[in-house]
C-alpha cells in the first residue's frame, strides 16, 4: 500500500470514529494512533534495512574486487617464481 493510500484510509477511519458514540471513540482513536505510529516505525525500519543492504552490496563489490586483484597478483608472482626457477636450472 502506498503512503498516500494509507494516510487517506487512516484519515477516513478517524472521521468514521468521530461519528461513533462518545464511549467508543477513545479506544478506537488510540488504536488508530498506534497503527499510525507502527506504520511510521515500519517505514523507518525499511529505510534503514535498505541502507544496510546497499552498504552490504558495496562491501561485497569491494571484496570481490580485492579477491580478483589478489588472484591476479598471485598468478603474476607464481609466474615470476616459475621463470626464476627455470632460469636457475
PDB file of N, CA and C in Angstrom:
ATOM      1  N   UNK A   1       0.845  -1.168   0.000  1.00  0.00           N
ATOM      2  CA  UNK A   1       0.000   0.000   0.000  1.00  0.00           C
ATOM      3  C   UNK A   1       0.892   1.233   0.000  1.00  0.00           C
ATOM      4  N   UNK A   2       0.543   2.154  -0.846  1.00  0.00           N
ATOM      5  CA  UNK A   2       1.324   3.388  -0.935  1.00  0.00           C
ATOM      6  C   UNK A   2       1.021   4.294   0.251  1.00  0.00           C
ATOM      7  N   UNK A   3       1.960   5.174   0.527  1.00  0.00           N
ATOM      8  CA  UNK A   3       1.844   6.062   1.684  1.00  0.00           C
ATOM      9  C   UNK A   3       0.588   6.923   1.602  1.00  0.00           C
ATOM     10  N   UNK A   4       0.312   7.467   0.425  1.00  0.00           N
ATOM     11  CA  UNK A   4      -0.878   8.323   0.269  1.00  0.00           C
ATOM     12  C   UNK A   4      -2.158   7.542   0.555  1.00  0.00           C
ATOM     13  N   UNK A   5      -2.218   6.304   0.076  1.00  0.00           N
ATOM     14  CA  UNK A   5      -3.392   5.468   0.328  1.00  0.00           C
ATOM     15  C   UNK A   5      -3.553   5.200   1.816  1.00  0.00           C
ATOM     16  N   UNK A   6      -2.444   4.877   2.473  1.00  0.00           N
ATOM     17  CA  UNK A   6      -2.502   4.598   3.901  1.00  0.00           C
ATOM     18  C   UNK A   6      -3.002   5.820   4.668  1.00  0.00           C
ATOM     19  N   UNK A   7      -2.435   6.989   4.372  1.00  0.00           N
ATOM     20  CA  UNK A   7      -2.831   8.203   5.083  1.00  0.00           C
ATOM     21  C   UNK A   7      -4.294   8.551   4.809  1.00  0.00           C
ATOM     22  N   UNK A   8      -4.741   8.343   3.572  1.00  0.00           N
ATOM     23  CA  UNK A   8      -6.142   8.620   3.234  1.00  0.00           C
ATOM     24  C   UNK A   8      -7.076   7.680   3.990  1.00  0.00           C
ATOM     25  N   UNK A   9      -6.713   6.409   4.045  1.00  0.00           N
ATOM     26  CA  UNK A   9      -7.556   5.448   4.769  1.00  0.00           C
ATOM     27  C   UNK A   9      -7.559   5.726   6.267  1.00  0.00           C
ATOM     28  N   UNK A  10      -6.416   6.122   6.791  1.00  0.00           N
ATOM     29  CA  UNK A  10      -6.344   6.452   8.213  1.00  0.00           C
ATOM     30  C   UNK A  10      -7.204   7.675   8.518  1.00  0.00           C
ATOM     31  N   UNK A  11      -7.134   8.683   7.671  1.00  0.00           N
ATOM     32  CA  UNK A  11      -7.960   9.883   7.871  1.00  0.00           C
ATOM     33  C   UNK A  11      -9.440   9.517   7.790  1.00  0.00           C
ATOM     34  N   UNK A  12      -9.789   8.655   6.842  1.00  0.00           N
ATOM     35  CA  UNK A  12     -11.177   8.210   6.709  1.00  0.00           C
ATOM     36  C   UNK A  12     -11.610   7.464   7.958  1.00  0.00           C
ATOM     37  N   UNK A  13     -10.737   6.615   8.469  1.00  0.00           N
ATOM     38  CA  UNK A  13     -11.035   5.871   9.695  1.00  0.00           C
ATOM     39  C   UNK A  13     -11.259   6.823  10.862  1.00  0.00           C
ATOM     40  N   UNK A  14     -10.397   7.826  10.981  1.00  0.00           N
ATOM     41  CA  UNK A  14     -10.547   8.794  12.080  1.00  0.00           C
ATOM     42  C   UNK A  14     -11.857   9.567  11.948  1.00  0.00           C
ATOM     43  N   UNK A  15     -12.252   9.884  10.724  1.00  0.00           N
ATOM     44  CA  UNK A  15     -13.542  10.565  10.516  1.00  0.00           C
ATOM     45  C   UNK A  15     -14.695   9.665  10.936  1.00  0.00           C
ATOM     46  N   UNK A  16     -14.603   8.387  10.593  1.00  0.00           N
ATOM     47  CA  UNK A  16     -15.667   7.452  10.975  1.00  0.00           C
ATOM     48  C   UNK A  16     -15.702   7.259  12.486  1.00  0.00           C
ATOM     49  N   UNK A  17     -14.549   7.279  13.124  1.00  0.00           N
ATOM     50  CA  UNK A  17     -14.501   7.143  14.579  1.00  0.00           C
ATOM     51  C   UNK A  17     -15.218   8.310  15.241  1.00  0.00           C
ATOM     52  N   UNK A  18     -15.094   9.494  14.654  1.00  0.00           N
ATOM     53  CA  UNK A  18     -15.745  10.681  15.231  1.00  0.00           C
ATOM     54  C   UNK A  18     -17.268  10.579  15.188  1.00  0.00           C
ATOM     55  N   UNK A  19     -17.808   9.725  14.318  1.00  0.00           N
ATOM     56  CA  UNK A  19     -19.269   9.584  14.234  1.00  0.00           C
ATOM     57  C   UNK A  19     -19.806   8.567  15.229  1.00  0.00           C
ATOM     58  N   UNK A  20     -18.926   7.842  15.893  1.00  0.00           N
ATOM     59  CA  UNK A  20     -19.344   6.826  16.857  1.00  0.00           C
ATOM     60  C   UNK A  20     -19.754   7.466  18.181  1.00  0.00           C
ATOM     61  N   UNK A  21     -20.442   6.704  18.999  1.00  0.00           N
ATOM     62  CA  UNK A  21     -20.794   7.223  20.331  1.00  0.00           C
ATOM     63  C   UNK A  21     -19.538   7.575  21.127  1.00  0.00           C
ATOM     64  N   UNK A  22     -19.676   8.539  21.990  1.00  0.00           N
ATOM     65  CA  UNK A  22     -18.553   9.077  22.776  1.00  0.00           C
ATOM     66  C   UNK A  22     -17.825   7.994  23.575  1.00  0.00           C
ATOM     67  N   UNK A  23     -18.534   6.997  24.024  1.00  0.00           N
ATOM     68  CA  UNK A  23     -17.905   5.960  24.854  1.00  0.00           C
ATOM     69  C   UNK A  23     -16.964   5.060  24.042  1.00  0.00           C
ATOM     70  N   UNK A  24     -17.207   4.913  22.748  1.00  0.00           N
ATOM     71  CA  UNK A  24     -16.382   4.040  21.905  1.00  0.00           C
ATOM     72  C   UNK A  24     -15.194   4.759  21.266  1.00  0.00           C
ATOM     73  N   UNK A  25     -15.260   6.053  21.202  1.00  0.00           N
ATOM     74  CA  UNK A  25     -14.235   6.822  20.472  1.00  0.00           C
ATOM     75  C   UNK A  25     -12.816   6.681  21.019  1.00  0.00           C
ATOM     76  N   UNK A  26     -12.580   6.851  22.314  1.00  0.00           N
ATOM     77  CA  UNK A  26     -11.189   6.864  22.800  1.00  0.00           C
ATOM     78  C   UNK A  26     -10.403   5.594  22.471  1.00  0.00           C
ATOM     79  N   UNK A  27     -11.034   4.424  22.656  1.00  0.00           N
ATOM     80  CA  UNK A  27     -10.310   3.179  22.385  1.00  0.00           C
ATOM     81  C   UNK A  27      -9.946   3.069  20.907  1.00  0.00           C
ATOM     82  N   UNK A  28     -10.885   3.359  20.040  1.00  0.00           N
ATOM     83  CA  UNK A  28     -10.635   3.240  18.607  1.00  0.00           C
ATOM     84  C   UNK A  28      -9.661   4.310  18.111  1.00  0.00           C
ATOM     85  N   UNK A  29      -9.772   5.506  18.657  1.00  0.00           N
ATOM     86  CA  UNK A  29      -8.837   6.567  18.273  1.00  0.00           C
ATOM     87  C   UNK A  29      -7.419   6.198  18.701  1.00  0.00           C
ATOM     88  N   UNK A  30      -7.307   5.610  19.877  1.00  0.00           N
ATOM     89  CA  UNK A  30      -5.990   5.182  20.354  1.00  0.00           C
ATOM     90  C   UNK A  30      -5.429   4.090  19.446  1.00  0.00           C
ATOM     91  N   UNK A  31      -6.261   3.145  19.050  1.00  0.00           N
ATOM     92  CA  UNK A  31      -5.808   2.092  18.144  1.00  0.00           C
ATOM     93  C   UNK A  31      -5.354   2.659  16.796  1.00  0.00           C
ATOM     94  N   UNK A  32      -6.092   3.638  16.302  1.00  0.00           N
ATOM     95  CA  UNK A  32      -5.718   4.269  15.033  1.00  0.00           C
ATOM     96  C   UNK A  32      -4.391   5.008  15.180  1.00  0.00           C
ATOM     97  N   UNK A  33      -4.190   5.664  16.304  1.00  0.00           N
ATOM     98  CA  UNK A  33      -2.935   6.374  16.544  1.00  0.00           C
ATOM     99  C   UNK A  33      -1.777   5.383  16.667  1.00  0.00           C
ATOM    100  N   UNK A  34      -2.001   4.287  17.367  1.00  0.00           N
ATOM    101  CA  UNK A  34      -0.963   3.261  17.483  1.00  0.00           C
ATOM    102  C   UNK A  34      -0.628   2.653  16.124  1.00  0.00           C
ATOM    103  N   UNK A  35      -1.648   2.466  15.300  1.00  0.00           N
ATOM    104  CA  UNK A  35      -1.428   1.942  13.946  1.00  0.00           C
ATOM    105  C   UNK A  35      -0.556   2.896  13.144  1.00  0.00           C
ATOM    106  N   UNK A  36      -0.843   4.171  13.254  1.00  0.00           N
ATOM    107  CA  UNK A  36      -0.040   5.170  12.540  1.00  0.00           C
ATOM    108  C   UNK A  36       1.396   5.171  13.046  1.00  0.00           C
ATOM    109  N   UNK A  37       1.574   5.066  14.357  1.00  0.00           N
ATOM    110  CA  UNK A  37       2.920   5.027  14.945  1.00  0.00           C
ATOM    111  C   UNK A  37       3.686   3.809  14.463  1.00  0.00           C
ATOM    112  N   UNK A  38       3.023   2.652  14.457  1.00  0.00           N
ATOM    113  CA  UNK A  38       3.680   1.428  13.974  1.00  0.00           C
ATOM    114  C   UNK A  38       4.048   1.542  12.497  1.00  0.00           C
ATOM    115  N   UNK A  39       3.162   2.156  11.742  1.00  0.00           N
ATOM    116  CA  UNK A  39       3.434   2.352  10.310  1.00  0.00           C
ATOM    117  C   UNK A  39       4.677   3.227  10.116  1.00  0.00           C
ATOM    118  N   UNK A  40       4.780   4.293  10.887  1.00  0.00           N
ATOM    119  CA  UNK A  40       5.939   5.181  10.773  1.00  0.00           C
ATOM    120  C   UNK A  40       7.225   4.446  11.165  1.00  0.00           C
ATOM    121  N   UNK A  41       7.164   3.650  12.234  1.00  0.00           N
ATOM    122  CA  UNK A  41       8.338   2.870  12.648  1.00  0.00           C
ATOM    123  C   UNK A  41       8.719   1.845  11.584  1.00  0.00           C
ATOM    124  N   UNK A  42       7.714   1.220  10.980  1.00  0.00           N
ATOM    125  CA  UNK A  42       7.976   0.234   9.944  1.00  0.00           C
ATOM    126  C   UNK A  42       8.633   0.900   8.729  1.00  0.00           C
ATOM    127  N   UNK A  43       8.159   2.073   8.350  1.00  0.00           N
ATOM    128  CA  UNK A  43       8.783   2.801   7.242  1.00  0.00           C
ATOM    129  C   UNK A  43      10.232   3.123   7.557  1.00  0.00           C
ATOM    130  N   UNK A  44      10.496   3.574   8.775  1.00  0.00           N
ATOM    131  CA  UNK A  44      11.859   3.904   9.183  1.00  0.00           C
ATOM    132  C   UNK A  44      12.738   2.661   9.161  1.00  0.00           C
ATOM    133  N   UNK A  45      12.214   1.552   9.642  1.00  0.00           N
ATOM    134  CA  UNK A  45      12.967   0.303   9.659  1.00  0.00           C
ATOM    135  C   UNK A  45      13.279  -0.162   8.240  1.00  0.00           C
ATOM    136  N   UNK A  46      12.324  -0.025   7.337  1.00  0.00           N
ATOM    137  CA  UNK A  46      12.536  -0.427   5.946  1.00  0.00           C
ATOM    138  C   UNK A  46      13.624   0.430   5.308  1.00  0.00           C
ATOM    139  N   UNK A  47      13.612   1.722   5.567  1.00  0.00           N
ATOM    140  CA  UNK A  47      14.651   2.602   5.024  1.00  0.00           C
ATOM    141  C   UNK A  47      16.019   2.211   5.571  1.00  0.00           C
ATOM    142  N   UNK A  48      16.084   1.934   6.873  1.00  0.00           N
ATOM    143  CA  UNK A  48      17.350   1.510   7.473  1.00  0.00           C
ATOM    144  C   UNK A  48      17.815   0.186   6.886  1.00  0.00           C
ATOM    145  N   UNK A  49      16.889  -0.719   6.661  1.00  0.00           N
ATOM    146  CA  UNK A  49      17.219  -2.008   6.064  1.00  0.00           C
ATOM    147  C   UNK A  49      17.737  -1.837   4.638  1.00  0.00           C
ATOM    148  N   UNK A  50      17.099  -0.964   3.872  1.00  0.00           N
ATOM    149  CA  UNK A  50      17.566  -0.705   2.512  1.00  0.00           C
ATOM    150  C   UNK A  50      18.968  -0.094   2.520  1.00  0.00           C
ATOM    151  N   UNK A  51      19.217   0.808   3.449  1.00  0.00           N
ATOM    152  CA  UNK A  51      20.554   1.393   3.565  1.00  0.00           C
ATOM    153  C   UNK A  51      21.589   0.323   3.919  1.00  0.00           C
ATOM    154  N   UNK A  52      21.211  -0.563   4.831  1.00  0.00           N
ATOM    155  CA  UNK A  52      22.126  -1.644   5.213  1.00  0.00           C
ATOM    156  C   UNK A  52      22.411  -2.568   4.034  1.00  0.00           C
ATOM    157  N   UNK A  53      21.387  -2.878   3.261  1.00  0.00           N
ATOM    158  CA  UNK A  53      21.582  -3.724   2.084  1.00  0.00           C
ATOM    159  C   UNK A  53      22.467  -3.047   1.048  1.00  0.00           C
ATOM    160  N   UNK A  54      22.273  -1.751   0.862  1.00  0.00           N
ATOM    161  CA  UNK A  54      23.125  -1.009  -0.071  1.00  0.00           C
ATOM    162  C   UNK A  54      24.580  -1.065   0.383  1.00  0.00           C
ATOM    163  N   UNK A  55      24.791  -0.874   1.682  1.00  0.00           N
ATOM    164  CA  UNK A  55      26.149  -0.927   2.224  1.00  0.00           C
ATOM    165  C   UNK A  55      26.740  -2.328   2.052  1.00  0.00           C
ATOM    166  N   UNK A  56      25.928  -3.344   2.301  1.00  0.00           N
ATOM    167  CA  UNK A  56      26.390  -4.725   2.140  1.00  0.00           C
ATOM    168  C   UNK A  56      26.762  -5.007   0.685  1.00  0.00           C
ATOM    169  N   UNK A  57      25.933  -4.555  -0.259  1.00  0.00           N
ATOM    170  CA  UNK A  57      26.241  -4.752  -1.682  1.00  0.00           C
ATOM    171  C   UNK A  57      27.569  -4.099  -2.045  1.00  0.00           C
ATOM    172  N   UNK A  58      27.770  -2.887  -1.569  1.00  0.00           N
ATOM    173  CA  UNK A  58      29.012  -2.182  -1.857  1.00  0.00           C
ATOM    174  C   UNK A  58      30.199  -2.916  -1.243  1.00  0.00           C
ATOM    175  N   UNK A  59      30.040  -3.388  -0.021  1.00  0.00           N
ATOM    176  CA  UNK A  59      31.120  -4.129   0.634  1.00  0.00           C
ATOM    177  C   UNK A  59      31.458  -5.396  -0.130  1.00  0.00           C
ATOM    178  N   UNK A  60      30.447  -6.084  -0.610  1.00  0.00           N
ATOM    179  CA  UNK A  60      30.685  -7.309  -1.378  1.00  0.00           C
ATOM    180  C   UNK A  60      31.417  -6.988  -2.672  1.00  0.00           C
ATOM    181  N   UNK A  61      31.046  -5.887  -3.322  1.00  0.00           N
ATOM    182  CA  UNK A  61      31.743  -5.495  -4.557  1.00  0.00           C
ATOM    183  C   UNK A  61      33.216  -5.213  -4.291  1.00  0.00           C
ATOM    184  N   UNK A  62      33.502  -4.526  -3.196  1.00  0.00           N
ATOM    185  CA  UNK A  62      34.899  -4.262  -2.837  1.00  0.00           C
ATOM    186  C   UNK A  62      35.637  -5.562  -2.541  1.00  0.00           C
ATOM    187  N   UNK A  63      34.984  -6.476  -1.834  1.00  0.00           N
ATOM    188  CA  UNK A  63      35.623  -7.751  -1.521  1.00  0.00           C
ATOM    189  C   UNK A  63      35.905  -8.565  -2.782  1.00  0.00           C
ATOM    190  N   UNK A  64      34.960  -8.569  -3.710  1.00  0.00           N
ATOM    191  CA  UNK A  64      35.166  -9.291  -4.968  1.00  0.00           C
ATOM    192  C   UNK A  64      36.314  -8.658  -5.752  1.00  0.00           C
ATOM    193  N   UNK A  65      36.351  -7.338  -5.782  1.00  0.00           N
ATOM    194  CA  UNK A  65      37.443  -6.639  -6.457  1.00  0.00           C
ATOM    195  C   UNK A  65      38.781  -7.009  -5.825  1.00  0.00           C
ATOM    196  N   UNK A  66      38.835  -6.993  -4.498  1.00  0.00           N
ATOM    197  CA  UNK A  66      40.063  -7.329  -3.786  1.00  0.00           C
ATOM    198  C   UNK A  66      40.472  -8.772  -4.049  1.00  0.00           C
ATOM    199  N   UNK A  67      39.512  -9.676  -4.066  1.00  0.00           N
ATOM    200  CA  UNK A  67      39.803 -11.080  -4.339  1.00  0.00           C
ATOM    201  C   UNK A  67      40.373 -11.253  -5.752  1.00  0.00           C
ATOM    202  N   UNK A  68      39.771 -10.591  -6.725  1.00  0.00           N
ATOM    203  CA  UNK A  68      40.271 -10.687  -8.100  1.00  0.00           C
ATOM    204  C   UNK A  68      41.684 -10.110  -8.217  1.00  0.00           C
ATOM    205  N   UNK A  69      41.915  -8.993  -7.536  1.00  0.00           N
ATOM    206  CA  UNK A  69      43.248  -8.392  -7.568  1.00  0.00           C
ATOM    207  C   UNK A  69      44.266  -9.324  -6.910  1.00  0.00           C
ATOM    208  N   UNK A  70      43.890  -9.942  -5.806  1.00  0.00           N
ATOM    209  CA  UNK A  70      44.792 -10.880  -5.125  1.00  0.00           C
ATOM    210  C   UNK A  70      45.103 -12.078  -6.016  1.00  0.00           C
ATOM    211  N   UNK A  71      44.090 -12.574  -6.711  1.00  0.00           N
ATOM    212  CA  UNK A  71      44.323 -13.700  -7.625  1.00  0.00           C
ATOM    213  C   UNK A  71      45.282 -13.312  -8.748  1.00  0.00           C
ATOM    214  N   UNK A  72      45.091 -12.114  -9.297  1.00  0.00           N
ATOM    215  CA  UNK A  72      45.988 -11.648 -10.362  1.00  0.00           C
ATOM    216  C   UNK A  72      47.417 -11.519  -9.843  1.00  0.00           C
ATOM    217  N   UNK A  73      47.567 -10.960  -8.646  1.00  0.00           N
ATOM    218  CA  UNK A  73      48.898 -10.810  -8.057  1.00  0.00           C
ATOM    219  C   UNK A  73      49.532 -12.174  -7.805  1.00  0.00           C
ATOM    220  N   UNK A  74      48.755 -13.120  -7.288  1.00  0.00           N
ATOM    221  CA  UNK A  74      49.287 -14.466  -7.050  1.00  0.00           C
ATOM    222  C   UNK A  74      49.737 -15.115  -8.352  1.00  0.00           C
ATOM    223  N   UNK A  75      48.948 -14.975  -9.385  1.00  0.00           N
ATOM    224  CA  UNK A  75      49.311 -15.551 -10.682  1.00  0.00           C
ATOM    225  C   UNK A  75      50.603 -14.921 -11.206  1.00  0.00           C
ATOM    226  N   UNK A  76      50.701 -13.604 -11.088  1.00  0.00           N
ATOM    227  CA  UNK A  76      51.897 -12.893 -11.544  1.00  0.00           C
ATOM    228  C   UNK A  76      53.130 -13.354 -10.764  1.00  0.00           C
ATOM    229  N   UNK A  77      52.985 -13.447  -9.444  1.00  0.00           N
ATOM    230  CA  UNK A  77      54.116 -13.863  -8.603  1.00  0.00           C
ATOM    231  C   UNK A  77      54.494 -15.324  -8.861  1.00  0.00           C
ATOM    232  N   UNK A  78      53.535 -16.193  -9.090  1.00  0.00           N
ATOM    233  CA  UNK A  78      53.849 -17.590  -9.414  1.00  0.00           C
ATOM    234  C   UNK A  78      54.599 -17.674 -10.737  1.00  0.00           C
ATOM    235  N   UNK A  79      54.186 -16.872 -11.708  1.00  0.00           N
ATOM    236  CA  UNK A  79      54.899 -16.841 -12.984  1.00  0.00           C
ATOM    237  C   UNK A  79      56.337 -16.371 -12.792  1.00  0.00           C
ATOM    238  N   UNK A  80      56.507 -15.349 -11.942  1.00  0.00           N
ATOM    239  CA  UNK A  80      57.862 -14.867 -11.665  1.00  0.00           C
ATOM    240  C   UNK A  80      58.703 -15.964 -11.024  1.00  0.00           C
ATOM    241  N   UNK A  81      58.121 -16.670 -10.043  1.00  0.00           N
ATOM    242  CA  UNK A  81      58.843 -17.750  -9.379  1.00  0.00           C
ATOM    243  C   UNK A  81      59.172 -18.884 -10.352  1.00  0.00           C
ATOM    244  N   UNK A  82      58.212 -19.226 -11.191  1.00  0.00           N
ATOM    245  CA  UNK A  82      58.463 -20.288 -12.189  1.00  0.00           C
ATOM    246  C   UNK A  82      59.574 -19.866 -13.147  1.00  0.00           C
ATOM    247  N   UNK A  83      59.558 -18.618 -13.585  1.00  0.00           N
ATOM    248  CA  UNK A  83      60.607 -18.131 -14.508  1.00  0.00           C
ATOM    249  C   UNK A  83      61.960 -18.126 -13.828  1.00  0.00           C
ATOM    250  N   UNK A  84      62.014 -17.739 -12.572  1.00  0.00           N
ATOM    251  CA  UNK A  84      63.273 -17.741 -11.827  1.00  0.00           C
ATOM    252  C   UNK A  84      63.768 -19.165 -11.620  1.00  0.00           C
ATOM    253  N   UNK A  85      62.859 -20.078 -11.351  1.00  0.00           N
ATOM    254  CA  UNK A  85      63.244 -21.466 -11.140  1.00  0.00           C
ATOM    255  C   UNK A  85      63.762 -22.079 -12.450  1.00  0.00           C
ATOM    256  N   UNK A  86      63.168 -21.735 -13.554  1.00  0.00           N
ATOM    257  CA  UNK A  86      63.636 -22.249 -14.853  1.00  0.00           C
ATOM    258  C   UNK A  86      64.986 -21.658 -15.198  1.00  0.00           C
ATOM    259  N   UNK A  87      65.192 -20.402 -14.867  1.00  0.00           N
ATOM    260  CA  UNK A  87      66.480 -19.746 -15.142  1.00  0.00           C
ATOM    261  C   UNK A  87      67.597 -20.311 -14.286  1.00  0.00           C
ATOM    262  N   UNK A  88      67.272 -20.785 -13.085  1.00  0.00           N
ATOM    263  CA  UNK A  88      68.289 -21.330 -12.177  1.00  0.00           C
ATOM    264  C   UNK A  88      68.700 -22.744 -12.593  1.00  0.00           C
ATOM    265  N   UNK A  89      67.818 -23.435 -13.337  1.00  0.00           N
ATOM    266  CA  UNK A  89      68.139 -24.819 -13.756  1.00  0.00           C
ATOM    267  C   UNK A  89      69.104 -24.794 -14.845  1.00  0.00           C
TER     268      UNK A  89
END
